[in-house]
């Protein structure tokens, strides 16, 4: 078995690893109504591999987000993608009694994956004994980003504005939050009535995270403009970074998949920037001695025609900004 530096060396050398992917791998899920199906993608070689648990956007499944999952796996991460109950592949009817609680089931899906790492590792040929359980990250897009954010410390406010249950997970050391919906004080009447879970508080989201937002992402769920998607960066304590993509809409150039219908702002270059920066962020956060994030940030800052703008804040600065 190789050591944890193997995955780092693969990317720094610019040579992506061969990726092996297995699906569906099934985790028993009592009380969910459906066992949890996941896809596991991993480099074919190497050991002590860090883990990314990815939460898909509304309607998607473990089969989506190949531009991200394939890229991360080819650069030394084990990427685990659960299929949530809202997936179009499951066809859950709106009148299903589980529908109002899908947002909770989504969070439970992520923790179930973390609880089931032994099962997943043993079920995927060639993966047994290769995971590094001390280096785990979560990521997600849109509703999936909100799902992932709860494991980083975000909480959902009730009708009285009181933070609900703390569902953070100490096993998670970093996050990548793509097109994450913001605070619930500017929801449209439809969203306020039908999506009560879209009232987050980021006050306790202390785990390091990269927030990615598009400056043309106008949501039909909020009366605010694209800056709504930057709230997780603005209002959370701890070390955070914000990548604002110029000209990007909700698909951020096409992260859900290649040439998919819902991508309204297709841009391979924009997706490549997300791939590069998210990989560098996760590696440098999970491996504190790694300098890839600093180099990537400098490269974007010095680009004469940048595709986006990067901001970062340390824990100390975040606390000062929030008056803590």
C-alpha atoms as a PDB file:
ATOM      1  CA  UNK A   1       0.000   0.000   0.000  1.00  0.00           C
ATOM      2  CA  UNK A   2       1.307   3.459  -0.829  1.00  0.00           C
ATOM      3  CA  UNK A   3       1.273   6.301   1.663  1.00  0.00           C
ATOM      4  CA  UNK A   4      -1.017   9.352   1.695  1.00  0.00           C
ATOM      5  CA  UNK A   5       1.376  11.352  -0.457  1.00  0.00           C
ATOM      6  CA  UNK A   6       0.637   9.158  -3.482  1.00  0.00           C
ATOM      7  CA  UNK A   7      -2.592  10.977  -4.334  1.00  0.00           C
ATOM      8  CA  UNK A   8      -0.877  14.348  -4.001  1.00  0.00           C
ATOM      9  CA  UNK A   9       1.963  13.342  -6.299  1.00  0.00           C
ATOM     10  CA  UNK A  10      -0.404  12.199  -9.037  1.00  0.00           C
ATOM     11  CA  UNK A  11      -1.933  15.631  -9.485  1.00  0.00           C
ATOM     12  CA  UNK A  12       1.181  17.705  -8.940  1.00  0.00           C
ATOM     13  CA  UNK A  13       2.812  15.684 -11.710  1.00  0.00           C
ATOM     14  CA  UNK A  14      -0.124  16.563 -13.967  1.00  0.00           C
ATOM     15  CA  UNK A  15      -0.948  12.919 -14.697  1.00  0.00           C
ATOM     16  CA  UNK A  16      -4.492  11.907 -13.713  1.00  0.00           C
ATOM     17  CA  UNK A  17      -4.892   8.408 -12.343  1.00  0.00           C
ATOM     18  CA  UNK A  18      -6.973   5.697 -13.965  1.00  0.00           C
ATOM     19  CA  UNK A  19     -10.394   5.695 -12.278  1.00  0.00           C
ATOM     20  CA  UNK A  20     -12.499   2.701 -11.333  1.00  0.00           C
ATOM     21  CA  UNK A  21     -16.211   3.216 -10.605  1.00  0.00           C
ATOM     22  CA  UNK A  22     -18.743   0.870  -9.035  1.00  0.00           C
ATOM     23  CA  UNK A  23     -22.530   1.229  -8.902  1.00  0.00           C
ATOM     24  CA  UNK A  24     -24.922   0.608  -7.410  1.00  0.00           C
ATOM     25  CA  UNK A  25     -23.407  -0.189  -4.063  1.00  0.00           C
ATOM     26  CA  UNK A  26     -26.281  -0.616  -1.630  1.00  0.00           C
ATOM     27  CA  UNK A  27     -26.414   0.395   2.014  1.00  0.00           C
ATOM     28  CA  UNK A  28     -29.350  -0.871   4.099  1.00  0.00           C
ATOM     29  CA  UNK A  29     -31.529   2.035   5.218  1.00  0.00           C
ATOM     30  CA  UNK A  30     -34.235   1.015   7.662  1.00  0.00           C
ATOM     31  CA  UNK A  31     -37.041   3.569   7.906  1.00  0.00           C
ATOM     32  CA  UNK A  32     -36.145   5.240   4.607  1.00  0.00           C
ATOM     33  CA  UNK A  33     -38.442   3.142   2.433  1.00  0.00           C
ATOM     34  CA  UNK A  34     -35.638   2.498  -0.066  1.00  0.00           C
ATOM     35  CA  UNK A  35     -32.174   1.156   0.543  1.00  0.00           C
ATOM     36  CA  UNK A  36     -29.530   3.764  -0.237  1.00  0.00           C
ATOM     37  CA  UNK A  37     -27.803   3.322  -3.600  1.00  0.00           C
ATOM     38  CA  UNK A  38     -24.427   4.948  -4.097  1.00  0.00           C
ATOM     39  CA  UNK A  39     -21.737   5.198  -6.730  1.00  0.00           C
ATOM     40  CA  UNK A  40     -18.111   4.910  -5.651  1.00  0.00           C
ATOM     41  CA  UNK A  41     -15.308   6.230  -7.868  1.00  0.00           C
ATOM     42  CA  UNK A  42     -11.661   5.846  -6.939  1.00  0.00           C
ATOM     43  CA  UNK A  43      -8.182   5.861  -8.440  1.00  0.00           C
ATOM     44  CA  UNK A  44      -7.136   2.362  -9.461  1.00  0.00           C
ATOM     45  CA  UNK A  45      -3.973   2.512  -7.387  1.00  0.00           C
ATOM     46  CA  UNK A  46      -2.742   4.176  -4.225  1.00  0.00           C
ATOM     47  CA  UNK A  47      -3.617   3.956  -0.573  1.00  0.00           C
ATOM     48  CA  UNK A  48      -4.633   6.195   2.319  1.00  0.00           C
ATOM     49  CA  UNK A  49      -7.057   7.920  -0.041  1.00  0.00           C
ATOM     50  CA  UNK A  50      -9.089  10.934   1.156  1.00  0.00           C
ATOM     51  CA  UNK A  51     -12.874  10.766   0.762  1.00  0.00           C
ATOM     52  CA  UNK A  52     -15.430  13.167  -0.756  1.00  0.00           C
ATOM     53  CA  UNK A  53     -19.134  12.501  -0.139  1.00  0.00           C
ATOM     54  CA  UNK A  54     -21.122  14.370  -2.805  1.00  0.00           C
ATOM     55  CA  UNK A  55     -24.791  15.413  -2.561  1.00  0.00           C
ATOM     56  CA  UNK A  56     -26.544  15.946  -5.891  1.00  0.00           C
ATOM     57  CA  UNK A  57     -28.983  18.707  -6.774  1.00  0.00           C
ATOM     58  CA  UNK A  58     -32.760  18.256  -6.968  1.00  0.00           C
ATOM     59  CA  UNK A  59     -33.812  15.383  -9.207  1.00  0.00           C
ATOM     60  CA  UNK A  60     -30.327  14.125  -9.997  1.00  0.00           C
ATOM     61  CA  UNK A  61     -28.733  10.850  -8.878  1.00  0.00           C
ATOM     62  CA  UNK A  62     -25.442   9.063  -8.345  1.00  0.00           C
ATOM     63  CA  UNK A  63     -25.030   9.119 -12.132  1.00  0.00           C
ATOM     64  CA  UNK A  64     -24.698  12.896 -12.370  1.00  0.00           C
ATOM     65  CA  UNK A  65     -21.878  15.390 -11.852  1.00  0.00           C
ATOM     66  CA  UNK A  66     -19.287  13.442 -13.825  1.00  0.00           C
ATOM     67  CA  UNK A  67     -17.206  16.588 -14.489  1.00  0.00           C
ATOM     68  CA  UNK A  68     -16.525  16.814 -10.760  1.00  0.00           C
ATOM     69  CA  UNK A  69     -16.595  13.181  -9.622  1.00  0.00           C
ATOM     70  CA  UNK A  70     -14.334  11.928 -12.398  1.00  0.00           C
ATOM     71  CA  UNK A  71     -11.890  14.794 -11.945  1.00  0.00           C
ATOM     72  CA  UNK A  72     -11.582  14.364  -8.182  1.00  0.00           C
ATOM     73  CA  UNK A  73     -11.217  10.586  -8.420  1.00  0.00           C
ATOM     74  CA  UNK A  74      -8.541  10.920 -11.093  1.00  0.00           C
ATOM     75  CA  UNK A  75      -6.594  13.119  -8.702  1.00  0.00           C
ATOM     76  CA  UNK A  76      -6.531  10.805  -5.755  1.00  0.00           C
ATOM     77  CA  UNK A  77      -9.903  11.088  -4.002  1.00  0.00           C
ATOM     78  CA  UNK A  78     -12.517   8.428  -3.355  1.00  0.00           C
ATOM     79  CA  UNK A  79     -15.808  10.041  -4.420  1.00  0.00           C
ATOM     80  CA  UNK A  80     -19.039   8.631  -2.993  1.00  0.00           C
ATOM     81  CA  UNK A  81     -22.328   9.766  -4.555  1.00  0.00           C
ATOM     82  CA  UNK A  82     -25.597   8.716  -2.894  1.00  0.00           C
ATOM     83  CA  UNK A  83     -28.907   8.838  -4.760  1.00  0.00           C
ATOM     84  CA  UNK A  84     -31.342  10.872  -2.649  1.00  0.00           C
ATOM     85  CA  UNK A  85     -35.098  10.199  -2.521  1.00  0.00           C
ATOM     86  CA  UNK A  86     -35.912  13.210  -4.733  1.00  0.00           C
ATOM     87  CA  UNK A  87     -34.022  11.633  -7.643  1.00  0.00           C
ATOM     88  CA  UNK A  88     -35.964  11.347 -10.888  1.00  0.00           C
ATOM     89  CA  UNK A  89     -34.644   7.785 -11.114  1.00  0.00           C
ATOM     90  CA  UNK A  90     -36.808   6.828  -8.121  1.00  0.00           C
ATOM     91  CA  UNK A  91     -39.982   8.620  -9.209  1.00  0.00           C
ATOM     92  CA  UNK A  92     -41.246   9.371  -5.724  1.00  0.00           C
ATOM     93  CA  UNK A  93     -44.730  10.950  -6.093  1.00  0.00           C
ATOM     94  CA  UNK A  94     -45.373  14.343  -4.536  1.00  0.00           C
ATOM     95  CA  UNK A  95     -48.055  12.840  -2.272  1.00  0.00           C
ATOM     96  CA  UNK A  96     -45.624  10.310  -0.794  1.00  0.00           C
ATOM     97  CA  UNK A  97     -45.603  10.762   3.009  1.00  0.00           C
ATOM     98  CA  UNK A  98     -41.801  11.029   2.948  1.00  0.00           C
ATOM     99  CA  UNK A  99     -41.829  14.085   0.685  1.00  0.00           C
ATOM    100  CA  UNK A 100     -41.999  16.771   3.426  1.00  0.00           C
ATOM    101  CA  UNK A 101     -39.010  15.161   5.140  1.00  0.00           C
ATOM    102  CA  UNK A 102     -36.817  14.568   2.099  1.00  0.00           C
ATOM    103  CA  UNK A 103     -34.450  17.305   3.230  1.00  0.00           C
ATOM    104  CA  UNK A 104     -33.877  15.336   6.447  1.00  0.00           C
ATOM    105  CA  UNK A 105     -33.511  12.052   4.591  1.00  0.00           C
ATOM    106  CA  UNK A 106     -30.873  13.742   2.415  1.00  0.00           C
ATOM    107  CA  UNK A 107     -28.773  14.634   5.453  1.00  0.00           C
ATOM    108  CA  UNK A 108     -29.238  11.150   6.856  1.00  0.00           C
ATOM    109  CA  UNK A 109     -28.040   9.739   3.518  1.00  0.00           C
ATOM    110  CA  UNK A 110     -24.697  11.518   3.939  1.00  0.00           C
ATOM    111  CA  UNK A 111     -24.229  10.377   7.528  1.00  0.00           C
ATOM    112  CA  UNK A 112     -25.279   6.865   6.503  1.00  0.00           C
ATOM    113  CA  UNK A 113     -22.480   6.869   3.938  1.00  0.00           C
ATOM    114  CA  UNK A 114     -19.977   7.915   6.603  1.00  0.00           C
ATOM    115  CA  UNK A 115     -21.301   5.268   8.978  1.00  0.00           C
ATOM    116  CA  UNK A 116     -21.094   2.679   6.187  1.00  0.00           C
ATOM    117  CA  UNK A 117     -17.549   3.302   4.968  1.00  0.00           C
ATOM    118  CA  UNK A 118     -16.484  -0.181   6.095  1.00  0.00           C
ATOM    119  CA  UNK A 119     -19.291  -1.750   4.051  1.00  0.00           C
ATOM    120  CA  UNK A 120     -18.554   0.398   1.002  1.00  0.00           C
ATOM    121  CA  UNK A 121     -14.833  -0.283   1.190  1.00  0.00           C
ATOM    122  CA  UNK A 122     -15.405  -4.026   1.371  1.00  0.00           C
ATOM    123  CA  UNK A 123     -18.060  -4.030  -1.377  1.00  0.00           C
ATOM    124  CA  UNK A 124     -16.031  -2.331  -4.103  1.00  0.00           C
ATOM    125  CA  UNK A 125     -13.458  -4.657  -5.684  1.00  0.00           C
ATOM    126  CA  UNK A 126      -9.936  -3.460  -5.061  1.00  0.00           C
ATOM    127  CA  UNK A 127     -10.875  -0.725  -2.572  1.00  0.00           C
ATOM    128  CA  UNK A 128     -10.591  -2.601   0.705  1.00  0.00           C
ATOM    129  CA  UNK A 129      -8.082  -1.053   3.086  1.00  0.00           C
ATOM    130  CA  UNK A 130      -7.377   2.023   0.949  1.00  0.00           C
ATOM    131  CA  UNK A 131      -9.485   4.766   2.585  1.00  0.00           C
ATOM    132  CA  UNK A 132      -8.109   7.428   4.900  1.00  0.00           C
ATOM    133  CA  UNK A 133     -10.919   8.025   7.394  1.00  0.00           C
ATOM    134  CA  UNK A 134      -9.109  10.992   8.937  1.00  0.00           C
ATOM    135  CA  UNK A 135      -9.463  13.010   5.718  1.00  0.00           C
ATOM    136  CA  UNK A 136     -13.138  13.325   4.769  1.00  0.00           C
ATOM    137  CA  UNK A 137     -14.872  16.156   2.902  1.00  0.00           C
ATOM    138  CA  UNK A 138     -18.438  16.793   1.790  1.00  0.00           C
ATOM    139  CA  UNK A 139     -19.544  18.613  -1.347  1.00  0.00           C
ATOM    140  CA  UNK A 140     -22.784  19.384  -3.124  1.00  0.00           C
ATOM    141  CA  UNK A 141     -24.565  21.504  -5.695  1.00  0.00           C
ATOM    142  CA  UNK A 142     -27.719  23.583  -5.101  1.00  0.00           C
ATOM    143  CA  UNK A 143     -29.998  21.600  -2.768  1.00  0.00           C
ATOM    144  CA  UNK A 144     -27.089  19.202  -2.395  1.00  0.00           C
ATOM    145  CA  UNK A 145     -24.910  22.067  -1.183  1.00  0.00           C
ATOM    146  CA  UNK A 146     -27.482  22.870   1.479  1.00  0.00           C
ATOM    147  CA  UNK A 147     -27.530  19.200   2.461  1.00  0.00           C
ATOM    148  CA  UNK A 148     -23.740  19.109   2.701  1.00  0.00           C
ATOM    149  CA  UNK A 149     -23.590  22.386   4.628  1.00  0.00           C
ATOM    150  CA  UNK A 150     -25.421  20.883   7.600  1.00  0.00           C
ATOM    151  CA  UNK A 151     -22.554  18.453   8.169  1.00  0.00           C
ATOM    152  CA  UNK A 152     -20.237  21.482   8.228  1.00  0.00           C
ATOM    153  CA  UNK A 153     -22.314  23.129  10.957  1.00  0.00           C
ATOM    154  CA  UNK A 154     -25.148  25.012   9.218  1.00  0.00           C
ATOM    155  CA  UNK A 155     -28.537  24.677  10.888  1.00  0.00           C
ATOM    156  CA  UNK A 156     -32.152  25.158   9.807  1.00  0.00           C
ATOM    157  CA  UNK A 157     -34.252  27.803  11.551  1.00  0.00           C
ATOM    158  CA  UNK A 158     -37.772  26.969  12.652  1.00  0.00           C
ATOM    159  CA  UNK A 159     -40.815  29.208  12.160  1.00  0.00           C
ATOM    160  CA  UNK A 160     -39.774  31.200  15.241  1.00  0.00           C
ATOM    161  CA  UNK A 161     -36.264  31.751  13.920  1.00  0.00           C
ATOM    162  CA  UNK A 162     -34.734  29.324  16.425  1.00  0.00           C
ATOM    163  CA  UNK A 163     -31.908  27.116  15.126  1.00  0.00           C
ATOM    164  CA  UNK A 164     -32.902  23.483  14.862  1.00  0.00           C
ATOM    165  CA  UNK A 165     -30.897  20.361  15.551  1.00  0.00           C
ATOM    166  CA  UNK A 166     -27.120  20.447  15.217  1.00  0.00           C
ATOM    167  CA  UNK A 167     -26.376  17.895  12.497  1.00  0.00           C
ATOM    168  CA  UNK A 168     -22.691  18.692  12.062  1.00  0.00           C
ATOM    169  CA  UNK A 169     -20.303  15.749  11.845  1.00  0.00           C
ATOM    170  CA  UNK A 170     -16.802  15.905  13.361  1.00  0.00           C
ATOM    171  CA  UNK A 171     -15.571  13.355  10.828  1.00  0.00           C
ATOM    172  CA  UNK A 172     -15.927  15.973   8.084  1.00  0.00           C
ATOM    173  CA  UNK A 173     -12.900  18.247   7.789  1.00  0.00           C
ATOM    174  CA  UNK A 174     -13.732  20.342   4.695  1.00  0.00           C
ATOM    175  CA  UNK A 175     -16.503  21.216   2.243  1.00  0.00           C
ATOM    176  CA  UNK A 176     -17.129  22.481  -1.278  1.00  0.00           C
ATOM    177  CA  UNK A 177     -20.508  24.219  -1.599  1.00  0.00           C
ATOM    178  CA  UNK A 178     -21.631  24.980  -5.163  1.00  0.00           C
ATOM    179  CA  UNK A 179     -24.560  27.370  -5.761  1.00  0.00           C
ATOM    180  CA  UNK A 180     -25.650  27.092  -2.129  1.00  0.00           C
ATOM    181  CA  UNK A 181     -28.951  28.914  -1.402  1.00  0.00           C
ATOM    182  CA  UNK A 182     -28.659  31.777   1.062  1.00  0.00           C
ATOM    183  CA  UNK A 183     -30.603  33.064   4.052  1.00  0.00           C
ATOM    184  CA  UNK A 184     -34.353  32.571   4.211  1.00  0.00           C
ATOM    185  CA  UNK A 185     -35.407  36.167   4.916  1.00  0.00           C
ATOM    186  CA  UNK A 186     -35.906  36.958   1.213  1.00  0.00           C
ATOM    187  CA  UNK A 187     -37.674  33.821   0.037  1.00  0.00           C
ATOM    188  CA  UNK A 188     -40.485  34.234  -2.461  1.00  0.00           C
ATOM    189  CA  UNK A 189     -43.989  33.461  -1.103  1.00  0.00           C
ATOM    190  CA  UNK A 190     -43.952  30.085  -2.892  1.00  0.00           C
ATOM    191  CA  UNK A 191     -40.605  29.097  -1.396  1.00  0.00           C
ATOM    192  CA  UNK A 192     -41.543  30.314   2.083  1.00  0.00           C
ATOM    193  CA  UNK A 193     -44.748  28.255   2.045  1.00  0.00           C
ATOM    194  CA  UNK A 194     -43.510  25.084   0.353  1.00  0.00           C
ATOM    195  CA  UNK A 195     -39.829  24.892   1.293  1.00  0.00           C
ATOM    196  CA  UNK A 196     -39.652  25.660   5.016  1.00  0.00           C
ATOM    197  CA  UNK A 197     -36.232  24.008   5.315  1.00  0.00           C
ATOM    198  CA  UNK A 198     -34.741  26.799   3.179  1.00  0.00           C
ATOM    199  CA  UNK A 199     -34.118  28.965   6.211  1.00  0.00           C
ATOM    200  CA  UNK A 200     -30.499  28.259   7.096  1.00  0.00           C
ATOM    201  CA  UNK A 201     -28.285  29.773   9.716  1.00  0.00           C
ATOM    202  CA  UNK A 202     -24.565  29.774   8.977  1.00  0.00           C
ATOM    203  CA  UNK A 203     -23.593  31.148  12.398  1.00  0.00           C
ATOM    204  CA  UNK A 204     -22.177  27.791  13.504  1.00  0.00           C
ATOM    205  CA  UNK A 205     -20.793  26.565  10.162  1.00  0.00           C
ATOM    206  CA  UNK A 206     -17.197  26.564  11.375  1.00  0.00           C
ATOM    207  CA  UNK A 207     -15.660  23.826   9.202  1.00  0.00           C
ATOM    208  CA  UNK A 208     -13.430  25.153   6.385  1.00  0.00           C
ATOM    209  CA  UNK A 209     -15.293  25.413   3.092  1.00  0.00           C
ATOM    210  CA  UNK A 210     -15.021  26.722  -0.446  1.00  0.00           C
ATOM    211  CA  UNK A 211     -18.245  28.464  -1.537  1.00  0.00           C
ATOM    212  CA  UNK A 212     -18.760  28.789  -5.301  1.00  0.00           C
ATOM    213  CA  UNK A 213     -21.339  31.229  -6.705  1.00  0.00           C
ATOM    214  CA  UNK A 214     -22.232  32.602 -10.134  1.00  0.00           C
ATOM    215  CA  UNK A 215     -22.669  36.346 -10.549  1.00  0.00           C
ATOM    216  CA  UNK A 216     -25.644  35.763 -12.892  1.00  0.00           C
ATOM    217  CA  UNK A 217     -27.390  33.135 -10.806  1.00  0.00           C
ATOM    218  CA  UNK A 218     -30.822  34.704 -10.306  1.00  0.00           C
ATOM    219  CA  UNK A 219     -32.977  32.306  -8.310  1.00  0.00           C
ATOM    220  CA  UNK A 220     -36.751  32.068  -8.620  1.00  0.00           C
ATOM    221  CA  UNK A 221     -36.816  31.184  -4.913  1.00  0.00           C
ATOM    222  CA  UNK A 222     -35.433  34.490  -3.608  1.00  0.00           C
ATOM    223  CA  UNK A 223     -36.249  38.158  -4.191  1.00  0.00           C
ATOM    224  CA  UNK A 224     -32.535  38.956  -3.995  1.00  0.00           C
ATOM    225  CA  UNK A 225     -30.074  38.731  -6.818  1.00  0.00           C
ATOM    226  CA  UNK A 226     -27.021  36.490  -7.307  1.00  0.00           C
ATOM    227  CA  UNK A 227     -25.372  37.696  -4.101  1.00  0.00           C
ATOM    228  CA  UNK A 228     -27.895  35.460  -2.253  1.00  0.00           C
ATOM    229  CA  UNK A 229     -25.608  32.562  -3.102  1.00  0.00           C
ATOM    230  CA  UNK A 230     -22.686  34.155  -1.253  1.00  0.00           C
ATOM    231  CA  UNK A 231     -24.385  34.221   2.173  1.00  0.00           C
ATOM    232  CA  UNK A 232     -22.640  31.084   3.422  1.00  0.00           C
ATOM    233  CA  UNK A 233     -19.310  32.851   2.991  1.00  0.00           C
ATOM    234  CA  UNK A 234     -20.465  36.182   4.414  1.00  0.00           C
ATOM    235  CA  UNK A 235     -22.266  34.904   7.494  1.00  0.00           C
ATOM    236  CA  UNK A 236     -20.219  31.891   8.585  1.00  0.00           C
ATOM    237  CA  UNK A 237     -17.290  31.911  11.000  1.00  0.00           C
ATOM    238  CA  UNK A 238     -14.061  30.033  10.490  1.00  0.00           C
ATOM    239  CA  UNK A 239     -11.810  29.717   7.473  1.00  0.00           C
ATOM    240  CA  UNK A 240     -13.807  30.172   4.273  1.00  0.00           C
ATOM    241  CA  UNK A 241     -13.137  30.997   0.634  1.00  0.00           C
ATOM    242  CA  UNK A 242     -15.538  32.350  -1.972  1.00  0.00           C
ATOM    243  CA  UNK A 243     -15.117  31.820  -5.700  1.00  0.00           C
ATOM    244  CA  UNK A 244     -17.433  34.138  -7.659  1.00  0.00           C
ATOM    245  CA  UNK A 245     -17.632  33.067 -11.295  1.00  0.00           C
ATOM    246  CA  UNK A 246     -18.159  35.772 -13.901  1.00  0.00           C
ATOM    247  CA  UNK A 247     -21.141  35.162 -16.172  1.00  0.00           C
ATOM    248  CA  UNK A 248     -22.103  31.945 -14.392  1.00  0.00           C
ATOM    249  CA  UNK A 249     -25.693  30.891 -13.802  1.00  0.00           C
ATOM    250  CA  UNK A 250     -26.968  28.096 -11.563  1.00  0.00           C
ATOM    251  CA  UNK A 251     -25.166  25.262 -13.348  1.00  0.00           C
ATOM    252  CA  UNK A 252     -21.887  27.160 -12.990  1.00  0.00           C
ATOM    253  CA  UNK A 253     -20.880  26.361 -16.545  1.00  0.00           C
ATOM    254  CA  UNK A 254     -22.035  22.736 -16.518  1.00  0.00           C
ATOM    255  CA  UNK A 255     -21.049  20.945 -13.301  1.00  0.00           C
ATOM    256  CA  UNK A 256     -24.119  18.610 -13.339  1.00  0.00           C
ATOM    257  CA  UNK A 257     -22.907  16.911 -16.507  1.00  0.00           C
ATOM    258  CA  UNK A 258     -21.652  17.226 -20.035  1.00  0.00           C
ATOM    259  CA  UNK A 259     -24.172  18.817 -22.442  1.00  0.00           C
ATOM    260  CA  UNK A 260     -27.143  18.367 -20.085  1.00  0.00           C
ATOM    261  CA  UNK A 261     -30.361  20.221 -20.827  1.00  0.00           C
ATOM    262  CA  UNK A 262     -30.495  22.269 -17.627  1.00  0.00           C
ATOM    263  CA  UNK A 263     -27.126  23.927 -18.235  1.00  0.00           C
ATOM    264  CA  UNK A 264     -27.955  27.438 -19.451  1.00  0.00           C
ATOM    265  CA  UNK A 265     -24.419  28.810 -19.322  1.00  0.00           C
ATOM    266  CA  UNK A 266     -22.233  26.057 -20.746  1.00  0.00           C
ATOM    267  CA  UNK A 267     -18.556  26.850 -20.316  1.00  0.00           C
ATOM    268  CA  UNK A 268     -15.908  24.097 -20.244  1.00  0.00           C
ATOM    269  CA  UNK A 269     -13.344  26.680 -19.141  1.00  0.00           C
ATOM    270  CA  UNK A 270     -15.481  27.675 -16.144  1.00  0.00           C
ATOM    271  CA  UNK A 271     -15.953  24.037 -15.144  1.00  0.00           C
ATOM    272  CA  UNK A 272     -12.206  23.463 -15.490  1.00  0.00           C
ATOM    273  CA  UNK A 273     -11.561  26.353 -13.095  1.00  0.00           C
ATOM    274  CA  UNK A 274     -13.942  24.825 -10.530  1.00  0.00           C
ATOM    275  CA  UNK A 275     -12.244  21.463 -10.949  1.00  0.00           C
ATOM    276  CA  UNK A 276      -8.801  22.941 -10.456  1.00  0.00           C
ATOM    277  CA  UNK A 277      -9.597  25.227  -7.515  1.00  0.00           C
ATOM    278  CA  UNK A 278     -11.823  22.761  -5.646  1.00  0.00           C
ATOM    279  CA  UNK A 279      -9.170  20.061  -5.910  1.00  0.00           C
ATOM    280  CA  UNK A 280      -6.459  22.426  -4.668  1.00  0.00           C
ATOM    281  CA  UNK A 281      -8.670  23.672  -1.824  1.00  0.00           C
ATOM    282  CA  UNK A 282      -9.542  20.189  -0.615  1.00  0.00           C
ATOM    283  CA  UNK A 283      -5.993  18.925  -0.819  1.00  0.00           C
ATOM    284  CA  UNK A 284      -4.519  21.893   1.027  1.00  0.00           C
ATOM    285  CA  UNK A 285      -7.228  21.746   3.707  1.00  0.00           C
ATOM    286  CA  UNK A 286      -6.922  18.013   4.270  1.00  0.00           C
ATOM    287  CA  UNK A 287      -3.122  18.078   3.987  1.00  0.00           C
ATOM    288  CA  UNK A 288      -2.047  21.310   5.749  1.00  0.00           C
ATOM    289  CA  UNK A 289       1.488  21.204   4.342  1.00  0.00           C
ATOM    290  CA  UNK A 290       0.272  21.240   0.738  1.00  0.00           C
ATOM    291  CA  UNK A 291       0.802  24.550  -1.121  1.00  0.00           C
ATOM    292  CA  UNK A 292      -1.424  23.888  -4.125  1.00  0.00           C
ATOM    293  CA  UNK A 293      -4.243  26.148  -2.939  1.00  0.00           C
ATOM    294  CA  UNK A 294      -1.966  29.122  -2.476  1.00  0.00           C
ATOM    295  CA  UNK A 295      -0.477  28.582  -5.928  1.00  0.00           C
ATOM    296  CA  UNK A 296      -3.921  28.253  -7.540  1.00  0.00           C
ATOM    297  CA  UNK A 297      -5.188  31.402  -5.832  1.00  0.00           C
ATOM    298  CA  UNK A 298      -2.137  33.337  -6.984  1.00  0.00           C
ATOM    299  CA  UNK A 299      -2.590  32.034 -10.500  1.00  0.00           C
ATOM    300  CA  UNK A 300      -6.190  33.267 -10.650  1.00  0.00           C
ATOM    301  CA  UNK A 301      -5.241  36.643  -9.194  1.00  0.00           C
ATOM    302  CA  UNK A 302      -2.512  37.118 -11.801  1.00  0.00           C
ATOM    303  CA  UNK A 303      -4.612  35.918 -14.757  1.00  0.00           C
ATOM    304  CA  UNK A 304      -5.028  38.838 -17.189  1.00  0.00           C
ATOM    305  CA  UNK A 305      -8.499  37.585 -18.188  1.00  0.00           C
ATOM    306  CA  UNK A 306      -9.826  35.787 -15.095  1.00  0.00           C
ATOM    307  CA  UNK A 307     -13.024  33.758 -15.150  1.00  0.00           C
ATOM    308  CA  UNK A 308     -13.772  34.611 -11.545  1.00  0.00           C
ATOM    309  CA  UNK A 309     -12.725  36.310  -8.330  1.00  0.00           C
ATOM    310  CA  UNK A 310     -11.462  34.593  -5.203  1.00  0.00           C
ATOM    311  CA  UNK A 311     -11.867  35.891  -1.637  1.00  0.00           C
ATOM    312  CA  UNK A 312     -10.703  34.193   1.541  1.00  0.00           C
ATOM    313  CA  UNK A 313     -10.985  34.839   5.246  1.00  0.00           C
ATOM    314  CA  UNK A 314      -9.361  33.226   8.231  1.00  0.00           C
ATOM    315  CA  UNK A 315     -11.139  32.211  11.408  1.00  0.00           C
ATOM    316  CA  UNK A 316      -9.892  35.353  13.175  1.00  0.00           C
ATOM    317  CA  UNK A 317     -11.065  37.700  10.414  1.00  0.00           C
ATOM    318  CA  UNK A 318     -14.451  35.982  10.201  1.00  0.00           C
ATOM    319  CA  UNK A 319     -15.002  36.463  13.911  1.00  0.00           C
ATOM    320  CA  UNK A 320     -14.046  40.128  13.643  1.00  0.00           C
ATOM    321  CA  UNK A 321     -16.444  40.625  10.711  1.00  0.00           C
ATOM    322  CA  UNK A 322     -19.290  39.035  12.662  1.00  0.00           C
ATOM    323  CA  UNK A 323     -18.494  40.921  15.874  1.00  0.00           C
ATOM    324  CA  UNK A 324     -17.679  37.781  17.812  1.00  0.00           C
END
